[in-house]
């Protein structure tokens, strides 16, 4: 996968010993041989879907959303943020308000379709082969044909065209 997608998965670094500079602790500093911090769960390795053409999201209602160009932003009233200029905002009806105003993006990253939670209140996930993989805000996960995208109480099947 490309560098931007790989960089989005890099775990955070809290600095030496996991403490802010200048903080004091009576506990000894961890040794260099300490095991690394756990990383968030990720989807299993799978063939990424090249984003050369278009894709479709099929909502649980049967409504179809074309995913073309650089991608789409889904939410009750999605708004573009810095870096989203080429993403098409697509409003999603949600009477229960389980979907955030700008909930999730389905977009191209280094030529691969990916889903990315946009700091939603109720979270997003990809269900692949019966296993749910939570989307962490700002950490896109690649999509493949047949994945189910869950956002709030809504669901959409990702299909390549």
Protein backbone atom coordinates (compact mmCIF):
# COMPACT_ATOMS: atom_id res chain seq x y z
CA UNK A 1 0.00 0.00 0.00
CA UNK A 2 1.04 3.58 -0.45
CA UNK A 3 2.81 5.84 1.92
CA UNK A 4 -0.17 7.99 2.97
CA UNK A 5 -2.22 4.94 3.92
CA UNK A 6 0.74 3.41 5.75
CA UNK A 7 1.45 6.70 7.52
CA UNK A 8 -2.17 6.89 8.68
CA UNK A 9 -1.65 3.59 10.52
CA UNK A 10 1.54 4.59 12.34
CA UNK A 11 1.01 4.49 16.11
CA UNK A 12 1.42 7.73 18.05
CA UNK A 13 4.61 8.59 19.86
CA UNK A 14 4.38 10.12 23.31
CA UNK A 15 8.11 10.73 23.46
CA UNK A 16 10.76 8.90 25.48
CA UNK A 17 9.24 6.67 28.14
CA UNK A 18 5.73 7.72 27.12
CA UNK A 19 5.91 10.88 29.28
CA UNK A 20 5.86 14.52 28.34
CA UNK A 21 9.22 16.26 28.53
CA UNK A 22 10.01 17.46 32.03
CA UNK A 23 7.54 15.15 33.80
CA UNK A 24 8.81 13.26 36.82
CA UNK A 25 8.07 9.78 37.94
CA UNK A 26 9.37 7.78 40.88
CA UNK A 27 9.17 4.61 38.78
CA UNK A 28 12.30 3.68 36.87
CA UNK A 29 12.34 4.53 33.17
CA UNK A 30 11.50 1.59 30.95
CA UNK A 31 14.48 -0.20 29.48
CA UNK A 32 15.26 -0.10 25.78
CA UNK A 33 14.19 -3.75 25.59
CA UNK A 34 10.62 -2.94 26.73
CA UNK A 35 7.94 -4.31 24.44
CA UNK A 36 6.32 -1.78 22.08
CA UNK A 37 2.96 -0.24 22.90
CA UNK A 38 -0.01 -2.16 21.53
CA UNK A 39 -1.36 -0.93 18.22
CA UNK A 40 -5.06 -0.48 17.46
CA UNK A 41 -6.85 -3.34 15.72
CA UNK A 42 -6.64 -3.34 11.96
CA UNK A 43 -8.36 -5.27 9.24
CA UNK A 44 -6.56 -8.39 8.08
CA UNK A 45 -4.33 -8.06 5.05
CA UNK A 46 -6.37 -8.38 1.91
CA UNK A 47 -6.15 -7.34 -1.67
CA UNK A 48 -6.86 -3.62 -1.80
CA UNK A 49 -9.39 -2.42 -4.34
CA UNK A 50 -7.70 -0.24 -6.95
CA UNK A 51 -9.61 3.01 -7.17
CA UNK A 52 -9.19 3.36 -10.93
CA UNK A 53 -12.92 3.49 -11.70
CA UNK A 54 -15.99 4.06 -9.65
CA UNK A 55 -17.56 2.16 -6.82
CA UNK A 56 -21.04 2.08 -5.35
CA UNK A 57 -22.34 2.13 -1.80
CA UNK A 58 -25.67 0.32 -1.50
CA UNK A 59 -27.52 1.41 1.64
CA UNK A 60 -29.66 -1.04 3.60
CA UNK A 61 -32.69 0.72 2.08
CA UNK A 62 -31.51 -0.19 -1.44
CA UNK A 63 -30.51 3.39 -2.24
CA UNK A 64 -27.32 3.50 -4.34
CA UNK A 65 -24.58 6.11 -3.94
CA UNK A 66 -22.03 6.41 -6.73
CA UNK A 67 -18.48 6.84 -5.42
CA UNK A 68 -16.47 8.52 -8.16
CA UNK A 69 -13.73 11.10 -8.47
CA UNK A 70 -11.82 11.34 -5.20
CA UNK A 71 -14.72 10.01 -3.11
CA UNK A 72 -17.61 11.01 -0.88
CA UNK A 73 -18.32 12.37 2.60
CA UNK A 74 -21.33 10.77 4.28
CA UNK A 75 -23.34 12.29 7.12
CA UNK A 76 -26.61 14.01 8.04
CA UNK A 77 -25.27 17.33 6.68
CA UNK A 78 -21.66 16.63 5.61
CA UNK A 79 -19.28 19.54 5.35
CA UNK A 80 -15.86 19.55 3.76
CA UNK A 81 -12.85 20.19 5.97
CA UNK A 82 -9.34 21.20 4.93
CA UNK A 83 -8.12 18.64 2.40
CA UNK A 84 -11.66 17.52 1.46
CA UNK A 85 -12.14 19.90 -1.48
CA UNK A 86 -12.50 17.07 -3.99
CA UNK A 87 -14.84 14.91 -1.87
CA UNK A 88 -18.56 15.06 -2.70
CA UNK A 89 -20.79 15.64 0.36
CA UNK A 90 -23.71 13.14 0.35
CA UNK A 91 -26.46 13.74 2.94
CA UNK A 92 -27.84 10.57 4.56
CA UNK A 93 -31.36 10.57 6.03
CA UNK A 94 -31.26 9.55 9.69
CA UNK A 95 -34.27 10.28 11.88
CA UNK A 96 -32.58 8.73 14.95
CA UNK A 97 -29.56 11.08 14.63
CA UNK A 98 -27.17 8.16 15.09
CA UNK A 99 -25.24 9.49 12.07
CA UNK A 100 -23.04 12.52 12.74
CA UNK A 101 -23.24 15.63 10.56
CA UNK A 102 -20.00 14.57 8.84
CA UNK A 103 -19.61 10.92 9.79
CA UNK A 104 -17.37 8.97 7.40
CA UNK A 105 -15.41 9.43 4.16
CA UNK A 106 -14.99 6.86 1.41
CA UNK A 107 -12.10 8.12 -0.65
CA UNK A 108 -8.99 7.30 -2.64
CA UNK A 109 -5.66 7.11 -0.88
CA UNK A 110 -2.65 6.29 -3.02
CA UNK A 111 -4.92 4.72 -5.65
CA UNK A 112 -6.91 2.54 -3.21
CA UNK A 113 -10.47 3.00 -1.93
CA UNK A 114 -10.53 3.45 1.85
CA UNK A 115 -13.05 4.32 4.58
CA UNK A 116 -12.18 6.84 7.30
CA UNK A 117 -14.23 7.85 10.33
CA UNK A 118 -14.46 11.64 10.71
CA UNK A 119 -14.52 11.82 14.52
CA UNK A 120 -18.16 10.71 14.60
CA UNK A 121 -20.08 10.36 17.85
CA UNK A 122 -21.31 6.81 17.27
CA UNK A 123 -18.37 5.40 15.34
CA UNK A 124 -17.87 3.56 12.08
CA UNK A 125 -16.74 0.06 11.19
CA UNK A 126 -16.03 -2.23 8.27
CA UNK A 127 -17.47 -5.74 8.43
CA UNK A 128 -15.38 -8.13 6.35
CA UNK A 129 -15.87 -11.89 6.24
CA UNK A 130 -18.10 -11.69 9.34
CA UNK A 131 -15.58 -9.77 11.46
CA UNK A 132 -16.16 -6.15 12.47
CA UNK A 133 -13.17 -3.78 12.31
CA UNK A 134 -13.69 -0.46 14.08
CA UNK A 135 -12.54 2.62 12.19
CA UNK A 136 -10.42 4.94 14.28
CA UNK A 137 -10.75 8.64 13.45
CA UNK A 138 -8.09 9.75 10.99
CA UNK A 139 -6.91 6.18 10.32
CA UNK A 140 -8.32 4.98 7.00
CA UNK A 141 -8.80 1.28 6.29
CA UNK A 142 -8.72 -0.06 2.74
CA UNK A 143 -11.99 -1.34 1.32
CA UNK A 144 -12.60 -4.39 -0.82
CA UNK A 145 -15.58 -5.49 -2.84
CA UNK A 146 -18.38 -6.77 -0.60
CA UNK A 147 -17.30 -5.01 2.61
CA UNK A 148 -20.11 -3.64 4.75
CA UNK A 149 -19.62 -0.11 6.04
CA UNK A 150 -21.44 0.63 9.31
CA UNK A 151 -21.89 4.22 10.44
CA UNK A 152 -24.25 5.06 13.27
CA UNK A 153 -27.35 2.90 12.76
CA UNK A 154 -26.87 2.86 8.97
CA UNK A 155 -25.19 0.24 6.76
CA UNK A 156 -23.88 0.26 3.21
CA UNK A 157 -22.36 -2.48 1.06
CA UNK A 158 -19.22 -1.40 -0.87
CA UNK A 159 -19.25 -2.65 -4.47
CA UNK A 160 -16.71 -2.09 -7.18
CA UNK A 161 -18.06 -1.30 -10.62
